[in-house]
Amino acid sequence: MTSAELALCMSTNAAVVRRTMAGLRKAGYVRSAKGHGGGWEIACDLGSVSLKDIYDALGRPTLFAMGVHIERPTCLVEQAVNRSLEGAFAEAEALLVGRLGNVSLAALARDVGAGLKQHAGRFNHAV
């Protein structure tokens, strides 16, 4: 698929897709071809790549929109709140990253395939 096609599927901009795919290409998970008929394709064994591998390849982006923030470092209330939440956020992130390691891209592909079959079945019954 091209960056534009992927962007359309994900409701984002093609430039965002290209930046994201660059990290995946560097890790060897995808490759791209230029020109007519070009685009992105998978370049790895889906069974040997986990969501954690993808997370790492993308530079370990922030997992939670909410977290410990330091907007006013001298504010005693902010300091107290941050101290009380730091451990919880660290534990939650460690748990989630650990679970990412248990999900292979092959498992996701199987799940998508099953969903496509169900979707096609519903469409065929409606006709």
Protein backbone atom coordinates (compact mmCIF):
# COMPACT_ATOMS: atom_id res chain seq x y z
CA MET A 1 0.00 0.00 0.00
CA THR A 2 1.13 3.56 -0.55
CA SER A 3 1.54 6.06 2.28
CA ALA A 4 -1.53 7.87 0.99
CA GLU A 5 -3.63 4.68 1.05
CA LEU A 6 -2.45 3.81 4.56
CA ALA A 7 -3.13 7.38 5.70
CA LEU A 8 -6.68 7.19 4.36
CA CYS A 9 -7.28 3.91 6.25
CA MET A 10 -5.94 5.43 9.47
CA SER A 11 -7.53 8.89 9.10
CA THR A 12 -4.19 10.64 9.22
CA ASN A 13 -1.71 12.41 6.97
CA ALA A 14 0.60 10.56 4.55
CA ALA A 15 3.60 12.38 6.04
CA VAL A 16 2.76 10.91 9.46
CA VAL A 17 2.60 7.44 7.89
CA ARG A 18 5.98 7.93 6.17
CA ARG A 19 7.63 9.03 9.45
CA THR A 20 6.16 6.04 11.28
CA MET A 21 7.09 3.60 8.53
CA ALA A 22 10.67 4.93 8.48
CA GLY A 23 11.23 3.50 11.97
CA LEU A 24 9.72 0.19 10.95
CA ARG A 25 11.86 0.09 7.80
CA LYS A 26 15.02 0.80 9.81
CA ALA A 27 14.17 -2.19 12.04
CA GLY A 28 13.62 -4.36 8.94
CA TYR A 29 9.89 -4.92 9.47
CA VAL A 30 8.74 -3.21 6.26
CA ARG A 31 10.25 -2.17 2.96
CA SER A 32 9.18 0.37 0.39
CA ALA A 33 9.33 0.59 -3.36
CA LYS A 34 9.15 3.86 -5.29
CA GLY A 35 7.38 4.59 -8.50
CA HIS A 36 4.29 3.22 -10.21
CA GLY A 37 3.06 0.16 -8.33
CA GLY A 38 5.30 1.00 -5.38
CA GLY A 39 4.37 1.31 -1.75
CA TRP A 40 4.97 -0.36 1.59
CA GLU A 41 5.05 -4.09 2.21
CA ILE A 42 5.84 -6.34 5.14
CA ALA A 43 9.45 -7.55 5.13
CA CYS A 44 9.55 -9.87 8.14
CA ASP A 45 8.17 -13.10 9.54
CA LEU A 46 5.00 -12.00 11.34
CA GLY A 47 5.40 -14.79 13.89
CA SER A 48 8.76 -13.48 15.04
CA VAL A 49 7.73 -9.85 15.61
CA SER A 50 5.73 -8.70 18.62
CA LEU A 51 3.91 -5.48 19.35
CA LYS A 52 6.75 -4.68 21.75
CA ASP A 53 9.20 -4.95 18.86
CA ILE A 54 7.07 -2.44 16.95
CA TYR A 55 6.85 -0.19 20.02
CA ASP A 56 10.64 -0.26 20.34
CA ALA A 57 11.15 0.39 16.62
CA LEU A 58 8.93 3.47 16.89
CA GLY A 59 11.11 4.90 19.65
CA ARG A 60 9.01 3.79 22.62
CA PRO A 61 6.36 6.54 22.28
CA THR A 62 4.35 7.74 25.25
CA LEU A 63 1.75 5.14 26.16
CA PHE A 64 -0.53 7.20 28.37
CA ALA A 65 -2.02 10.59 27.61
CA MET A 66 -2.18 11.14 31.33
CA GLY A 67 0.97 10.99 33.41
CA VAL A 68 3.37 12.79 35.69
CA HIS A 69 3.89 16.33 34.37
CA ILE A 70 6.20 19.03 35.61
CA GLU A 71 4.60 22.30 34.60
CA ARG A 72 5.41 24.26 37.75
CA PRO A 73 8.42 22.61 39.42
CA THR A 74 8.17 24.79 42.53
CA CYS A 75 4.49 23.99 43.17
CA LEU A 76 4.24 21.85 46.32
CA VAL A 77 0.84 20.44 45.31
CA GLU A 78 2.16 19.37 41.90
CA GLN A 79 5.19 17.78 43.55
CA ALA A 80 2.99 15.82 45.98
CA VAL A 81 0.65 14.63 43.21
CA ASN A 82 3.58 13.56 41.03
CA ARG A 83 5.21 11.65 43.89
CA SER A 84 1.97 9.82 44.60
CA LEU A 85 1.38 8.85 40.95
CA GLU A 86 4.92 8.08 39.75
CA GLY A 87 4.95 4.50 40.95
CA ALA A 88 1.49 3.71 39.61
CA PHE A 89 2.31 5.00 36.14
CA ALA A 90 5.62 3.11 36.09
CA GLU A 91 3.85 -0.12 37.09
CA ALA A 92 1.10 0.36 34.50
CA GLU A 93 3.62 1.06 31.74
CA ALA A 94 5.73 -1.99 32.67
CA LEU A 95 2.62 -4.20 32.64
CA LEU A 96 1.48 -2.90 29.25
CA VAL A 97 4.92 -3.19 27.65
CA GLY A 98 5.19 -6.73 29.00
CA ARG A 99 1.86 -7.63 27.42
CA LEU A 100 2.92 -6.09 24.10
CA GLY A 101 5.68 -8.69 24.04
CA ASN A 102 3.09 -11.47 24.17
CA VAL A 103 1.24 -10.40 21.00
CA SER A 104 2.79 -11.37 17.68
CA LEU A 105 1.96 -9.74 14.39
CA ALA A 106 0.92 -13.20 13.17
CA ALA A 107 -1.72 -13.37 15.92
CA LEU A 108 -3.01 -9.95 14.89
CA ALA A 109 -3.12 -11.02 11.24
CA ARG A 110 -5.16 -14.10 12.18
CA ASP A 111 -7.56 -11.94 14.19
CA VAL A 112 -7.96 -9.49 11.29
CA GLY A 113 -8.53 -12.41 8.90
CA ALA A 114 -11.25 -13.81 11.14
CA GLY A 115 -12.88 -10.39 11.35
CA LEU A 116 -12.80 -10.06 7.57
CA LYS A 117 -14.52 -13.44 7.21
CA GLN A 118 -17.25 -12.41 9.65
CA HIS A 119 -17.65 -9.07 7.88
CA ALA A 120 -17.91 -10.79 4.48
CA GLY A 121 -20.46 -13.24 5.89
CA ARG A 122 -22.65 -10.39 7.11
CA PHE A 123 -22.40 -8.69 3.74
CA ASN A 124 -23.31 -11.86 1.85
CA HIS A 125 -26.39 -12.40 4.05
CA ALA A 126 -27.58 -8.85 3.46
CA VAL A 127 -27.65 -9.29 -0.34
